Amino acid sequence: MAPPHLLSCVWRDTTQSGVWFLSTCHDGRESGGEVRRRKRGSASLMKTAPVVAIDYNKYMGGCDRANSLRASYNTYLTHKKCWYMSLFYYGIDVLLVNALIYNNATHSTTQLTHKAFRLRVIQLFAARSLNRQRSVTEDERGPRKRCNSDTLGPERQLPGPHLITKFTEGQRMCVWCYHNTKKRSQTSYYCSLCKFALHADCFLPFHQAPTSFV
């Protein structure tokens, strides 16, 4: 055992020179096992091997497999100006590949292909985004009504309480400002009865104006 916590050992399998190992996760004291080895042109044999050799045979090719999975469906984009964004997309791909391997390792009954796993991730994020955008009815969101260019809507003369109400979401164009100045001015208020968007100071002039708009 060479410091710092580095195991250096050689295992003679079927070759004369043996197989050399350097490991930082083995201490050489673990009990080994047997692996199947075969020389060219001869039958396979069971050979006693240390744990470091068994783990190597079990996990070798992990980087190649991960790179292959990452290259199958990648989000990697090359950025000339923002070079760090390339690292960001690379990190996303690595994260998705690791998540796929972890999912299949921990859920033996629900093994997913790489494509199916990515589609599932997309569906989950899309569903979360849709849930955040709360479905709002027309009455909650507020009306989208416009006046004719020559008349002010007859709805403004309906009997009943015309109350100034605030939109629960977004803004609309004030119809009184537009018909007076032809400029689009946004407002957060509207009339609760005739459903026209109006500024607070446009509320009374709009309802008191004559029907014909000159």
C-alpha atoms as a PDB file:
ATOM      1  CA  MET A   1       0.000   0.000   0.000  1.00  0.00           C
ATOM      2  CA  ALA A   2       1.588   3.241  -1.151  1.00  0.00           C
ATOM      3  CA  PRO A   3       0.545   6.587   0.309  1.00  0.00           C
ATOM      4  CA  PRO A   4      -1.786   8.310   0.027  1.00  0.00           C
ATOM      5  CA  HIS A   5      -4.225   5.376   0.093  1.00  0.00           C
ATOM      6  CA  LEU A   6      -3.121   3.967  -3.241  1.00  0.00           C
ATOM      7  CA  LEU A   7      -3.097   0.227  -3.834  1.00  0.00           C
ATOM      8  CA  SER A   8      -0.592  -1.110  -6.328  1.00  0.00           C
ATOM      9  CA  CYS A   9      -0.810  -4.821  -7.136  1.00  0.00           C
ATOM     10  CA  VAL A  10      -0.323  -7.357  -9.931  1.00  0.00           C
ATOM     11  CA  TRP A  11      -2.544 -10.314 -10.713  1.00  0.00           C
ATOM     12  CA  ARG A  12      -1.344 -13.202 -12.811  1.00  0.00           C
ATOM     13  CA  ASP A  13      -4.317 -14.445 -14.761  1.00  0.00           C
ATOM     14  CA  THR A  14      -3.446 -16.264 -17.988  1.00  0.00           C
ATOM     15  CA  THR A  15      -0.576 -14.032 -19.073  1.00  0.00           C
ATOM     16  CA  GLN A  16       3.047 -14.233 -18.074  1.00  0.00           C
ATOM     17  CA  SER A  17       3.424 -10.576 -17.302  1.00  0.00           C
ATOM     18  CA  GLY A  18       0.207 -10.374 -15.293  1.00  0.00           C
ATOM     19  CA  VAL A  19      -2.269  -7.496 -14.957  1.00  0.00           C
ATOM     20  CA  TRP A  20      -1.263  -4.446 -12.975  1.00  0.00           C
ATOM     21  CA  PHE A  21      -3.766  -2.423 -10.955  1.00  0.00           C
ATOM     22  CA  LEU A  22      -3.724   0.948  -9.235  1.00  0.00           C
ATOM     23  CA  SER A  23      -6.723   1.596  -6.998  1.00  0.00           C
ATOM     24  CA  THR A  24      -7.755   4.184  -4.434  1.00  0.00           C
ATOM     25  CA  CYS A  25     -10.901   2.303  -3.300  1.00  0.00           C
ATOM     26  CA  HIS A  26      -9.291  -1.013  -2.304  1.00  0.00           C
ATOM     27  CA  ASP A  27      -6.847  -1.764   0.470  1.00  0.00           C
ATOM     28  CA  GLY A  28      -5.786  -5.283  -0.565  1.00  0.00           C
ATOM     29  CA  ARG A  29      -7.290  -6.943   2.489  1.00  0.00           C
ATOM     30  CA  GLU A  30     -10.661  -7.872   0.981  1.00  0.00           C
ATOM     31  CA  SER A  31     -11.330 -11.496   0.125  1.00  0.00           C
ATOM     32  CA  GLY A  32     -11.344 -12.137  -3.597  1.00  0.00           C
ATOM     33  CA  GLY A  33     -13.309 -14.490  -5.792  1.00  0.00           C
ATOM     34  CA  GLU A  34     -13.165 -16.246  -9.135  1.00  0.00           C
ATOM     35  CA  VAL A  35     -13.431 -14.951 -12.676  1.00  0.00           C
ATOM     36  CA  ARG A  36     -13.648 -16.777 -15.971  1.00  0.00           C
ATOM     37  CA  ARG A  37     -10.508 -16.435 -18.087  1.00  0.00           C
ATOM     38  CA  ARG A  38      -9.556 -18.035 -21.376  1.00  0.00           C
ATOM     39  CA  LYS A  39      -6.446 -18.263 -23.474  1.00  0.00           C
ATOM     40  CA  ARG A  40      -6.734 -18.035 -27.211  1.00  0.00           C
ATOM     41  CA  GLY A  41      -7.413 -21.470 -28.644  1.00  0.00           C
ATOM     42  CA  SER A  42      -8.131 -23.138 -25.300  1.00  0.00           C
ATOM     43  CA  ALA A  43     -11.088 -23.712 -23.008  1.00  0.00           C
ATOM     44  CA  SER A  44     -12.055 -21.126 -20.388  1.00  0.00           C
ATOM     45  CA  LEU A  45     -10.881 -21.584 -16.807  1.00  0.00           C
ATOM     46  CA  MET A  46     -11.986 -20.212 -13.455  1.00  0.00           C
ATOM     47  CA  LYS A  47      -9.131 -18.239 -11.900  1.00  0.00           C
ATOM     48  CA  THR A  48      -8.838 -16.887  -8.377  1.00  0.00           C
ATOM     49  CA  ALA A  49      -8.723 -13.075  -8.521  1.00  0.00           C
ATOM     50  CA  PRO A  50      -8.459 -10.194  -6.046  1.00  0.00           C
ATOM     51  CA  VAL A  51     -11.409  -7.887  -5.455  1.00  0.00           C
ATOM     52  CA  VAL A  52      -9.785  -5.108  -7.466  1.00  0.00           C
ATOM     53  CA  ALA A  53      -9.702  -7.379 -10.548  1.00  0.00           C
ATOM     54  CA  ILE A  54     -13.305  -8.498 -10.024  1.00  0.00           C
ATOM     55  CA  ASP A  55     -14.511  -4.903  -9.687  1.00  0.00           C
ATOM     56  CA  TYR A  56     -12.558  -3.912 -12.776  1.00  0.00           C
ATOM     57  CA  ASN A  57     -14.169  -6.650 -14.874  1.00  0.00           C
ATOM     58  CA  LYS A  58     -17.573  -5.679 -13.506  1.00  0.00           C
ATOM     59  CA  TYR A  59     -17.412  -1.925 -14.083  1.00  0.00           C
ATOM     60  CA  MET A  60     -14.974  -1.523 -16.980  1.00  0.00           C
ATOM     61  CA  GLY A  61     -16.301   0.374 -19.951  1.00  0.00           C
ATOM     62  CA  GLY A  62     -18.447   2.650 -17.797  1.00  0.00           C
ATOM     63  CA  CYS A  63     -17.017   5.849 -19.293  1.00  0.00           C
ATOM     64  CA  ASP A  64     -17.387   4.524 -22.839  1.00  0.00           C
ATOM     65  CA  ARG A  65     -20.992   3.531 -22.130  1.00  0.00           C
ATOM     66  CA  ALA A  66     -21.778   6.903 -20.576  1.00  0.00           C
ATOM     67  CA  ASN A  67     -20.245   8.759 -23.543  1.00  0.00           C
ATOM     68  CA  SER A  68     -22.224   6.596 -25.949  1.00  0.00           C
ATOM     69  CA  LEU A  69     -25.471   7.346 -24.129  1.00  0.00           C
ATOM     70  CA  ARG A  70     -24.676  11.052 -23.973  1.00  0.00           C
ATOM     71  CA  ALA A  71     -23.977  11.186 -27.715  1.00  0.00           C
ATOM     72  CA  SER A  72     -27.283   9.462 -28.592  1.00  0.00           C
ATOM     73  CA  TYR A  73     -29.528  12.391 -27.576  1.00  0.00           C
ATOM     74  CA  ASN A  74     -27.533  15.454 -26.666  1.00  0.00           C
ATOM     75  CA  THR A  75     -28.434  19.060 -25.986  1.00  0.00           C
ATOM     76  CA  TYR A  76     -24.874  20.240 -26.530  1.00  0.00           C
ATOM     77  CA  LEU A  77     -24.549  23.508 -28.427  1.00  0.00           C
ATOM     78  CA  THR A  78     -21.339  25.311 -29.335  1.00  0.00           C
ATOM     79  CA  HIS A  79     -21.219  28.940 -28.215  1.00  0.00           C
ATOM     80  CA  LYS A  80     -18.531  31.210 -29.585  1.00  0.00           C
ATOM     81  CA  LYS A  81     -19.309  34.164 -27.339  1.00  0.00           C
ATOM     82  CA  CYS A  82     -20.489  32.431 -24.163  1.00  0.00           C
ATOM     83  CA  TRP A  83     -18.066  29.512 -23.942  1.00  0.00           C
ATOM     84  CA  TYR A  84     -19.344  28.568 -20.499  1.00  0.00           C
ATOM     85  CA  MET A  85     -22.762  27.707 -21.965  1.00  0.00           C
ATOM     86  CA  SER A  86     -21.150  24.713 -23.681  1.00  0.00           C
ATOM     87  CA  LEU A  87     -20.170  23.430 -20.252  1.00  0.00           C
ATOM     88  CA  PHE A  88     -23.733  24.034 -19.076  1.00  0.00           C
ATOM     89  CA  TYR A  89     -25.262  21.905 -21.851  1.00  0.00           C
ATOM     90  CA  TYR A  90     -22.614  19.225 -21.332  1.00  0.00           C
ATOM     91  CA  GLY A  91     -23.549  19.138 -17.645  1.00  0.00           C
ATOM     92  CA  ILE A  92     -27.234  18.673 -18.530  1.00  0.00           C
ATOM     93  CA  ASP A  93     -26.396  15.693 -20.741  1.00  0.00           C
ATOM     94  CA  VAL A  94     -24.217  14.100 -18.057  1.00  0.00           C
ATOM     95  CA  LEU A  95     -26.945  14.681 -15.471  1.00  0.00           C
ATOM     96  CA  LEU A  96     -29.586  13.006 -17.650  1.00  0.00           C
ATOM     97  CA  VAL A  97     -27.365  10.004 -18.391  1.00  0.00           C
ATOM     98  CA  ASN A  98     -26.538   9.526 -14.708  1.00  0.00           C
ATOM     99  CA  ALA A  99     -30.218   9.853 -13.819  1.00  0.00           C
ATOM    100  CA  LEU A 100     -31.095   7.179 -16.401  1.00  0.00           C
ATOM    101  CA  ILE A 101     -28.482   4.771 -15.015  1.00  0.00           C
ATOM    102  CA  TYR A 102     -29.618   5.416 -11.449  1.00  0.00           C
ATOM    103  CA  ASN A 103     -33.288   4.940 -12.363  1.00  0.00           C
ATOM    104  CA  ASN A 104     -32.656   1.599 -14.066  1.00  0.00           C
ATOM    105  CA  ALA A 105     -30.403   0.443 -11.222  1.00  0.00           C
ATOM    106  CA  THR A 106     -32.941   1.227  -8.489  1.00  0.00           C
ATOM    107  CA  HIS A 107     -36.151   0.282 -10.345  1.00  0.00           C
ATOM    108  CA  SER A 108     -35.600  -3.172 -11.769  1.00  0.00           C
ATOM    109  CA  THR A 109     -39.278  -3.533 -12.705  1.00  0.00           C
ATOM    110  CA  THR A 110     -39.448  -0.287 -14.711  1.00  0.00           C
ATOM    111  CA  GLN A 111     -36.402  -0.336 -16.960  1.00  0.00           C
ATOM    112  CA  LEU A 112     -36.486   2.544 -19.437  1.00  0.00           C
ATOM    113  CA  THR A 113     -34.646   3.074 -22.677  1.00  0.00           C
ATOM    114  CA  HIS A 114     -32.683   6.280 -23.113  1.00  0.00           C
ATOM    115  CA  LYS A 115     -35.318   7.739 -25.451  1.00  0.00           C
ATOM    116  CA  ALA A 116     -38.230   6.778 -23.196  1.00  0.00           C
ATOM    117  CA  PHE A 117     -36.474   8.269 -20.179  1.00  0.00           C
ATOM    118  CA  ARG A 118     -35.840  11.600 -21.920  1.00  0.00           C
ATOM    119  CA  LEU A 119     -39.441  11.774 -23.125  1.00  0.00           C
ATOM    120  CA  ARG A 120     -40.606  11.103 -19.576  1.00  0.00           C
ATOM    121  CA  VAL A 121     -38.420  13.932 -18.250  1.00  0.00           C
ATOM    122  CA  ILE A 122     -39.822  16.303 -20.904  1.00  0.00           C
ATOM    123  CA  GLN A 123     -43.399  15.321 -19.997  1.00  0.00           C
ATOM    124  CA  LEU A 124     -42.782  15.924 -16.294  1.00  0.00           C
ATOM    125  CA  PHE A 125     -41.273  19.381 -16.857  1.00  0.00           C
ATOM    126  CA  ALA A 126     -44.033  20.311 -19.323  1.00  0.00           C
ATOM    127  CA  ALA A 127     -46.715  19.215 -16.852  1.00  0.00           C
ATOM    128  CA  ARG A 128     -45.091  21.240 -14.085  1.00  0.00           C
ATOM    129  CA  SER A 129     -44.984  24.312 -16.304  1.00  0.00           C
ATOM    130  CA  LEU A 130     -48.651  23.918 -17.243  1.00  0.00           C
ATOM    131  CA  ASN A 131     -49.645  23.521 -13.612  1.00  0.00           C
ATOM    132  CA  ARG A 132     -47.929  26.794 -12.765  1.00  0.00           C
ATOM    133  CA  GLN A 133     -49.943  28.585 -15.418  1.00  0.00           C
ATOM    134  CA  ARG A 134     -53.216  28.429 -13.545  1.00  0.00           C
ATOM    135  CA  SER A 135     -56.210  28.182 -15.840  1.00  0.00           C
ATOM    136  CA  VAL A 136     -58.048  31.486 -15.526  1.00  0.00           C
ATOM    137  CA  THR A 137     -61.629  31.995 -16.710  1.00  0.00           C
ATOM    138  CA  GLU A 138     -62.728  35.000 -18.723  1.00  0.00           C
ATOM    139  CA  ASP A 139     -64.312  36.624 -15.656  1.00  0.00           C
ATOM    140  CA  GLU A 140     -61.143  36.145 -13.550  1.00  0.00           C
ATOM    141  CA  ARG A 141     -58.751  37.291 -16.250  1.00  0.00           C
ATOM    142  CA  GLY A 142     -60.866  40.233 -17.289  1.00  0.00           C
ATOM    143  CA  PRO A 143     -62.582  41.083 -20.581  1.00  0.00           C
ATOM    144  CA  ARG A 144     -61.137  41.879 -23.976  1.00  0.00           C
ATOM    145  CA  LYS A 145     -63.661  44.304 -25.482  1.00  0.00           C
ATOM    146  CA  ARG A 146     -63.193  47.122 -27.951  1.00  0.00           C
ATOM    147  CA  CYS A 147     -65.390  49.978 -29.037  1.00  0.00           C
ATOM    148  CA  ASN A 148     -66.318  50.710 -32.604  1.00  0.00           C
ATOM    149  CA  SER A 149     -64.316  53.569 -34.085  1.00  0.00           C
ATOM    150  CA  ASP A 150     -67.439  55.761 -34.359  1.00  0.00           C
ATOM    151  CA  THR A 151     -69.516  54.753 -31.354  1.00  0.00           C
ATOM    152  CA  LEU A 152     -69.016  53.976 -27.730  1.00  0.00           C
ATOM    153  CA  GLY A 153     -70.528  50.615 -26.911  1.00  0.00           C
ATOM    154  CA  PRO A 154     -74.192  50.726 -25.842  1.00  0.00           C
ATOM    155  CA  GLU A 155     -73.285  48.441 -22.948  1.00  0.00           C
ATOM    156  CA  ARG A 156     -71.972  51.472 -21.057  1.00  0.00           C
ATOM    157  CA  GLN A 157     -75.570  52.767 -20.690  1.00  0.00           C
ATOM    158  CA  LEU A 158     -76.952  49.553 -19.222  1.00  0.00           C
ATOM    159  CA  PRO A 159     -78.790  50.106 -15.939  1.00  0.00           C
ATOM    160  CA  GLY A 160     -77.018  48.739 -12.919  1.00  0.00           C
ATOM    161  CA  PRO A 161     -73.860  49.315 -10.919  1.00  0.00           C
ATOM    162  CA  HIS A 162     -70.911  50.153 -13.153  1.00  0.00           C
ATOM    163  CA  LEU A 163     -68.003  49.447 -10.845  1.00  0.00           C
ATOM    164  CA  ILE A 164     -64.318  49.951 -11.542  1.00  0.00           C
ATOM    165  CA  THR A 165     -62.600  46.594 -11.147  1.00  0.00           C
ATOM    166  CA  LYS A 166     -58.973  45.553 -11.345  1.00  0.00           C
ATOM    167  CA  PHE A 167     -57.764  42.801 -13.642  1.00  0.00           C
ATOM    168  CA  THR A 168     -56.481  39.757 -11.793  1.00  0.00           C
ATOM    169  CA  GLU A 169     -53.950  39.143 -14.554  1.00  0.00           C
ATOM    170  CA  GLY A 170     -52.245  41.396 -17.098  1.00  0.00           C
ATOM    171  CA  GLN A 171     -53.423  44.676 -18.602  1.00  0.00           C
ATOM    172  CA  ARG A 172     -55.654  45.810 -21.472  1.00  0.00           C
ATOM    173  CA  MET A 173     -55.880  48.838 -23.734  1.00  0.00           C
ATOM    174  CA  CYS A 174     -57.985  51.705 -22.394  1.00  0.00           C
ATOM    175  CA  VAL A 175     -60.805  52.210 -24.936  1.00  0.00           C
ATOM    176  CA  TRP A 176     -61.425  55.830 -23.933  1.00  0.00           C
ATOM    177  CA  CYS A 177     -57.807  56.862 -24.410  1.00  0.00           C
ATOM    178  CA  TYR A 178     -57.616  55.060 -27.729  1.00  0.00           C
ATOM    179  CA  HIS A 179     -60.719  56.693 -29.177  1.00  0.00           C
ATOM    180  CA  ASN A 180     -59.601  60.120 -28.049  1.00  0.00           C
ATOM    181  CA  THR A 181     -55.911  60.014 -28.920  1.00  0.00           C
ATOM    182  CA  LYS A 182     -55.574  56.896 -31.137  1.00  0.00           C
ATOM    183  CA  LYS A 183     -52.772  55.795 -28.832  1.00  0.00           C
ATOM    184  CA  ARG A 184     -52.663  52.444 -27.097  1.00  0.00           C
ATOM    185  CA  SER A 185     -52.472  53.051 -23.373  1.00  0.00           C
ATOM    186  CA  GLN A 186     -52.532  50.022 -21.079  1.00  0.00           C
ATOM    187  CA  THR A 187     -54.627  49.899 -17.935  1.00  0.00           C
ATOM    188  CA  SER A 188     -55.192  47.460 -15.094  1.00  0.00           C
ATOM    189  CA  TYR A 189     -58.871  48.357 -14.610  1.00  0.00           C
ATOM    190  CA  TYR A 190     -62.186  47.736 -16.346  1.00  0.00           C
ATOM    191  CA  CYS A 191     -65.910  48.257 -15.840  1.00  0.00           C
ATOM    192  CA  SER A 192     -67.529  45.306 -14.106  1.00  0.00           C
ATOM    193  CA  LEU A 193     -70.813  45.677 -16.047  1.00  0.00           C
ATOM    194  CA  CYS A 194     -69.992  46.763 -19.592  1.00  0.00           C
ATOM    195  CA  LYS A 195     -66.599  44.988 -19.546  1.00  0.00           C
ATOM    196  CA  PHE A 196     -64.521  47.763 -21.187  1.00  0.00           C
ATOM    197  CA  ALA A 197     -60.941  48.367 -20.092  1.00  0.00           C
ATOM    198  CA  LEU A 198     -60.562  51.895 -18.690  1.00  0.00           C
ATOM    199  CA  HIS A 199     -58.181  53.988 -16.682  1.00  0.00           C
ATOM    200  CA  ALA A 200     -59.499  55.140 -13.320  1.00  0.00           C
ATOM    201  CA  ASP A 201     -59.663  58.765 -14.530  1.00  0.00           C
ATOM    202  CA  CYS A 202     -61.339  57.675 -17.801  1.00  0.00           C
ATOM    203  CA  PHE A 203     -64.103  55.769 -16.044  1.00  0.00           C
ATOM    204  CA  LEU A 204     -66.593  58.659 -15.578  1.00  0.00           C
ATOM    205  CA  PRO A 205     -65.946  60.484 -18.908  1.00  0.00           C
ATOM    206  CA  PHE A 206     -66.478  57.194 -20.781  1.00  0.00           C
ATOM    207  CA  HIS A 207     -69.841  56.479 -19.156  1.00  0.00           C
ATOM    208  CA  GLN A 208     -71.070  60.104 -19.343  1.00  0.00           C
ATOM    209  CA  ALA A 209     -70.159  60.645 -22.995  1.00  0.00           C
ATOM    210  CA  PRO A 210     -72.956  60.663 -25.625  1.00  0.00           C
ATOM    211  CA  THR A 211     -73.554  57.526 -27.648  1.00  0.00           C
ATOM    212  CA  SER A 212     -72.185  59.037 -30.864  1.00  0.00           C
ATOM    213  CA  PHE A 213     -68.454  59.498 -30.668  1.00  0.00           C
ATOM    214  CA  VAL A 214     -67.257  62.430 -32.815  1.00  0.00           C
END
